[in-house]
Amino acid sequence: MGESVEQNRVYTRPVVLGSERLRLSGELHRLITFLNQTLAQDRLEFGLRKEEEGVYVLTLYRIEEFGIAR
């Protein structure tokens, strides 16, 4: 008794690598899903935000891990 227990917690946060406003059409959510599934092992993730009809912002993120020891 009296011993402190150390727990390591790992958190993630997205870091924006780049963003571009584009005119796009078609199966966009399918494209983003494909990219995210394919590049997840490389800790990359894509986001897609609709600004107006046919205009989207495509953002590329790198997912970083950081830990907190308690």
C-alpha atoms as a PDB file:
ATOM      1  CA  MET A   1       0.000   0.000   0.000  1.00  0.00           C
ATOM      2  CA  GLY A   2       1.014   3.547  -0.428  1.00  0.00           C
ATOM      3  CA  GLU A   3       2.494   2.879  -3.866  1.00  0.00           C
ATOM      4  CA  SER A   4       1.554   5.259  -6.654  1.00  0.00           C
ATOM      5  CA  VAL A   5       0.272   3.707  -9.829  1.00  0.00           C
ATOM      6  CA  GLU A   6       1.453   5.331 -13.034  1.00  0.00           C
ATOM      7  CA  GLN A   7      -0.924   5.272 -15.964  1.00  0.00           C
ATOM      8  CA  ASN A   8       0.193   6.321 -19.412  1.00  0.00           C
ATOM      9  CA  ARG A   9      -2.493   7.786 -21.586  1.00  0.00           C
ATOM     10  CA  VAL A  10      -2.091   8.352 -25.280  1.00  0.00           C
ATOM     11  CA  TYR A  11      -4.034  11.083 -27.014  1.00  0.00           C
ATOM     12  CA  THR A  12      -4.167  12.075 -30.652  1.00  0.00           C
ATOM     13  CA  ARG A  13      -4.536  15.412 -32.358  1.00  0.00           C
ATOM     14  CA  PRO A  14      -4.838  16.345 -36.019  1.00  0.00           C
ATOM     15  CA  VAL A  15      -2.234  18.693 -37.474  1.00  0.00           C
ATOM     16  CA  VAL A  16      -3.230  20.461 -40.694  1.00  0.00           C
ATOM     17  CA  LEU A  17      -0.722  19.835 -43.481  1.00  0.00           C
ATOM     18  CA  GLY A  18      -2.645  21.696 -46.166  1.00  0.00           C
ATOM     19  CA  SER A  19      -6.027  22.861 -47.305  1.00  0.00           C
ATOM     20  CA  GLU A  20      -7.434  23.775 -50.720  1.00  0.00           C
ATOM     21  CA  ARG A  21     -10.757  25.165 -51.942  1.00  0.00           C
ATOM     22  CA  LEU A  22     -11.928  23.215 -55.007  1.00  0.00           C
ATOM     23  CA  ARG A  23     -14.879  22.836 -57.349  1.00  0.00           C
ATOM     24  CA  LEU A  24     -15.790  19.151 -57.160  1.00  0.00           C
ATOM     25  CA  SER A  25     -18.612  16.802 -58.081  1.00  0.00           C
ATOM     26  CA  GLY A  26     -19.258  13.085 -58.015  1.00  0.00           C
ATOM     27  CA  GLU A  27     -18.796  10.515 -55.279  1.00  0.00           C
ATOM     28  CA  LEU A  28     -16.750  12.756 -53.036  1.00  0.00           C
ATOM     29  CA  HIS A  29     -17.501  11.082 -49.720  1.00  0.00           C
ATOM     30  CA  ARG A  30     -16.578   7.731 -51.251  1.00  0.00           C
ATOM     31  CA  LEU A  31     -13.255   9.231 -52.393  1.00  0.00           C
ATOM     32  CA  ILE A  32     -12.507  10.618 -48.923  1.00  0.00           C
ATOM     33  CA  THR A  33     -13.386   7.283 -47.284  1.00  0.00           C
ATOM     34  CA  PHE A  34     -11.053   5.471 -49.707  1.00  0.00           C
ATOM     35  CA  LEU A  35      -8.193   7.910 -49.003  1.00  0.00           C
ATOM     36  CA  ASN A  36      -8.678   7.717 -45.234  1.00  0.00           C
ATOM     37  CA  GLN A  37      -8.777   3.913 -45.195  1.00  0.00           C
ATOM     38  CA  THR A  38      -5.768   3.626 -47.490  1.00  0.00           C
ATOM     39  CA  LEU A  39      -3.593   6.186 -45.724  1.00  0.00           C
ATOM     40  CA  ALA A  40      -4.566   5.496 -42.092  1.00  0.00           C
ATOM     41  CA  GLN A  41      -1.452   3.353 -41.552  1.00  0.00           C
ATOM     42  CA  ASP A  42       0.615   6.413 -42.543  1.00  0.00           C
ATOM     43  CA  ARG A  43      -1.286   8.507 -39.956  1.00  0.00           C
ATOM     44  CA  LEU A  44      -2.842  10.734 -42.625  1.00  0.00           C
ATOM     45  CA  GLU A  45      -6.467  11.776 -42.773  1.00  0.00           C
ATOM     46  CA  PHE A  46      -8.528  13.818 -45.208  1.00  0.00           C
ATOM     47  CA  GLY A  47     -11.460  16.070 -44.418  1.00  0.00           C
ATOM     48  CA  LEU A  48     -14.042  17.507 -46.787  1.00  0.00           C
ATOM     49  CA  ARG A  49     -16.225  20.514 -45.988  1.00  0.00           C
ATOM     50  CA  LYS A  50     -18.912  21.860 -48.297  1.00  0.00           C
ATOM     51  CA  GLU A  51     -18.841  25.648 -48.643  1.00  0.00           C
ATOM     52  CA  GLU A  52     -21.522  26.029 -51.296  1.00  0.00           C
ATOM     53  CA  GLU A  53     -23.037  23.965 -54.087  1.00  0.00           C
ATOM     54  CA  GLY A  54     -20.139  22.309 -55.927  1.00  0.00           C
ATOM     55  CA  VAL A  55     -17.439  24.072 -53.871  1.00  0.00           C
ATOM     56  CA  TYR A  56     -15.577  22.181 -51.151  1.00  0.00           C
ATOM     57  CA  VAL A  57     -12.567  22.633 -48.903  1.00  0.00           C
ATOM     58  CA  LEU A  58     -10.298  19.576 -48.875  1.00  0.00           C
ATOM     59  CA  THR A  59      -7.969  19.406 -45.864  1.00  0.00           C
ATOM     60  CA  LEU A  60      -5.101  16.977 -45.257  1.00  0.00           C
ATOM     61  CA  TYR A  61      -4.157  16.156 -41.666  1.00  0.00           C
ATOM     62  CA  ARG A  62      -1.327  14.232 -40.025  1.00  0.00           C
ATOM     63  CA  ILE A  63      -2.481  12.500 -36.827  1.00  0.00           C
ATOM     64  CA  GLU A  64       0.043  12.924 -34.028  1.00  0.00           C
ATOM     65  CA  GLU A  65       0.120  11.001 -30.785  1.00  0.00           C
ATOM     66  CA  PHE A  66       1.192  12.400 -27.468  1.00  0.00           C
ATOM     67  CA  GLY A  67       1.111  10.836 -24.036  1.00  0.00           C
ATOM     68  CA  ILE A  68       0.531  12.030 -20.524  1.00  0.00           C
ATOM     69  CA  ALA A  69       1.944  10.057 -17.618  1.00  0.00           C
ATOM     70  CA  ARG A  70      -0.050  10.187 -14.393  1.00  0.00           C
END
